[in-house]
Every structure is written in structure tokens, then in C-alpha cells.
């Protein structure tokens, strides 16, 4: 599986994506969609599971979609929401940990990245 090199992520893109996740409700929505897997959830079910409903859920989904983290697709009379950016979330974590302990005076043998 090909992953983007975390060094390819600019500070601006990382900041923008982290900003999209900078709300407890948006983070809860994304986590719920990640748990649901690639099939996603209807907007109604997503609201039930997260406790975020109506225009607030619509607002949060718009921000997450603009960040490229989720999609919304109309299927019949339902809107199906799904997390799509599993690699992007992994890359954000790698971006944060890429230079872990690089400026530490001595390597930390107990640190998972050191």
C-alpha cells in the first residue's frame, strides 16, 4: 500500500487539516465514521450515534469534507457519510512524529521512535 511521505505534507496543509479536527463534535463525527468503515452511515444514523444533529451536523460535515476527510453521497432518499482519508490521518500522525526527539541531547531508549 502506497503512503504519502509525511515530509510531503506542508505545514499549511497539516494546520488546515488539524483545524478541521479542532472541535470535539467534529472529532466525534470523524471517529464514528472511521468506526463505521467504508460503508459509512446515513446522516440520521450518524446524528443518533454522535448526538450531533440538524444544521450543526451539516456544518461539521461541510468542514470535514472541505478538509478531504469525509464524503457525503446521496443514495436514494438518504445521504451516506463516510470517512475517506485514512491515509491522510496516518500521514498527519507521521508528520507530527517524523522528527521526534531529534533535538534531544540523548536518545530515549524507551521511546517508540527513539
Protein backbone atom coordinates (compact mmCIF):
# COMPACT_ATOMS: atom_id res chain seq x y z
CA UNK A 1 0.00 0.00 0.00
CA UNK A 2 1.45 3.34 -1.03
CA UNK A 3 1.58 6.04 1.62
CA UNK A 4 2.40 9.67 1.08
CA UNK A 5 5.77 10.65 2.51
CA UNK A 6 4.90 12.74 5.58
CA UNK A 7 7.60 15.20 4.57
CA UNK A 8 5.42 15.97 1.53
CA UNK A 9 2.77 17.49 3.78
CA UNK A 10 3.25 21.20 4.10
CA UNK A 11 2.85 22.90 7.42
CA UNK A 12 -0.08 24.83 5.93
CA UNK A 13 -1.95 21.67 4.86
CA UNK A 14 -1.29 19.97 8.19
CA UNK A 15 -2.50 23.05 10.10
CA UNK A 16 -5.63 23.27 7.96
CA UNK A 17 -6.47 19.60 8.48
CA UNK A 18 -5.81 19.78 12.21
CA UNK A 19 -8.04 22.88 12.35
CA UNK A 20 -10.86 20.83 10.80
CA UNK A 21 -10.39 18.36 13.65
CA UNK A 22 -10.21 21.12 16.27
CA UNK A 23 -13.74 20.62 17.51
CA UNK A 24 -14.85 17.88 19.91
CA UNK A 25 -18.00 17.36 17.85
CA UNK A 26 -16.14 17.13 14.52
CA UNK A 27 -13.64 14.73 16.04
CA UNK A 28 -16.51 12.61 17.40
CA UNK A 29 -18.17 12.60 13.97
CA UNK A 30 -14.95 11.52 12.24
CA UNK A 31 -14.25 8.81 14.83
CA UNK A 32 -17.78 7.49 14.43
CA UNK A 33 -17.36 7.34 10.65
CA UNK A 34 -13.98 5.64 10.96
CA UNK A 35 -15.62 3.01 13.20
CA UNK A 36 -18.36 2.51 10.60
CA UNK A 37 -15.80 1.64 7.93
CA UNK A 38 -16.02 2.25 4.21
CA UNK A 39 -19.79 1.66 4.06
CA UNK A 40 -20.34 4.80 6.12
CA UNK A 41 -23.56 5.80 7.84
CA UNK A 42 -26.69 7.65 6.90
CA UNK A 43 -26.76 11.22 8.14
CA UNK A 44 -29.60 10.24 10.50
CA UNK A 45 -27.69 7.31 11.99
CA UNK A 46 -24.55 9.44 12.30
CA UNK A 47 -26.55 12.02 14.23
CA UNK A 48 -28.02 9.36 16.55
CA UNK A 49 -24.63 7.85 17.29
CA UNK A 50 -22.84 11.13 17.92
CA UNK A 51 -25.63 13.24 19.40
CA UNK A 52 -24.87 15.92 16.79
CA UNK A 53 -27.90 16.63 14.63
CA UNK A 54 -29.50 19.04 12.20
CA UNK A 55 -27.72 22.13 10.98
CA UNK A 56 -24.86 21.57 13.44
CA UNK A 57 -24.08 18.17 11.90
CA UNK A 58 -24.39 19.64 8.41
CA UNK A 59 -21.94 22.39 9.36
CA UNK A 60 -19.41 19.93 10.79
CA UNK A 61 -19.71 17.59 7.80
CA UNK A 62 -19.05 20.52 5.45
CA UNK A 63 -15.82 21.40 7.28
CA UNK A 64 -14.66 17.77 7.36
CA UNK A 65 -15.49 17.35 3.67
CA UNK A 66 -13.60 20.53 2.74
CA UNK A 67 -10.58 19.10 4.57
CA UNK A 68 -10.90 15.94 2.47
CA UNK A 69 -11.58 13.72 5.48
CA UNK A 70 -15.14 12.61 4.68
CA UNK A 71 -17.56 12.30 1.80
CA UNK A 72 -21.31 12.66 1.54
CA UNK A 73 -23.21 10.82 -1.18
CA UNK A 74 -26.92 10.79 -1.89
CA UNK A 75 -28.28 7.24 -2.14
CA UNK A 76 -31.98 7.26 -2.85
CA UNK A 77 -33.58 9.34 -0.12
CA UNK A 78 -30.59 9.06 2.24
CA UNK A 79 -27.30 10.88 2.49
CA UNK A 80 -24.48 8.46 3.26
CA UNK A 81 -21.45 9.89 5.05
CA UNK A 82 -18.13 8.08 5.10
CA UNK A 83 -14.59 8.67 6.29
CA UNK A 84 -12.26 8.54 3.31
CA UNK A 85 -8.92 9.88 4.42
CA UNK A 86 -7.44 7.03 6.42
CA UNK A 87 -4.05 7.59 4.77
CA UNK A 88 -4.26 11.34 5.42
CA UNK A 89 -4.90 10.78 9.13
CA UNK A 90 -1.96 8.33 9.26
CA UNK A 91 0.20 10.87 7.42
CA UNK A 92 -0.76 13.60 9.90
CA UNK A 93 0.39 11.40 12.74
CA UNK A 94 3.64 10.65 10.91
CA UNK A 95 4.07 14.39 10.25
CA UNK A 96 3.96 15.05 13.99
CA UNK A 97 6.30 12.20 14.88
CA UNK A 98 8.73 12.47 11.95
CA UNK A 99 11.42 14.31 13.86
CA UNK A 100 10.52 13.01 17.28
CA UNK A 101 13.36 13.55 19.76
CA UNK A 102 15.68 14.87 17.00
CA UNK A 103 16.90 17.67 19.26
CA UNK A 104 17.12 15.57 22.39
CA UNK A 105 20.65 15.51 23.87
CA UNK A 106 20.47 11.73 24.35
CA UNK A 107 18.33 9.13 22.59
CA UNK A 108 15.48 7.86 24.71
CA UNK A 109 15.66 4.08 24.51
CA UNK A 110 12.17 3.72 25.97
CA UNK A 111 10.62 5.98 23.34
CA UNK A 112 8.94 4.09 20.47
CA UNK A 113 10.54 6.38 17.89
CA UNK A 114 13.90 6.97 19.54
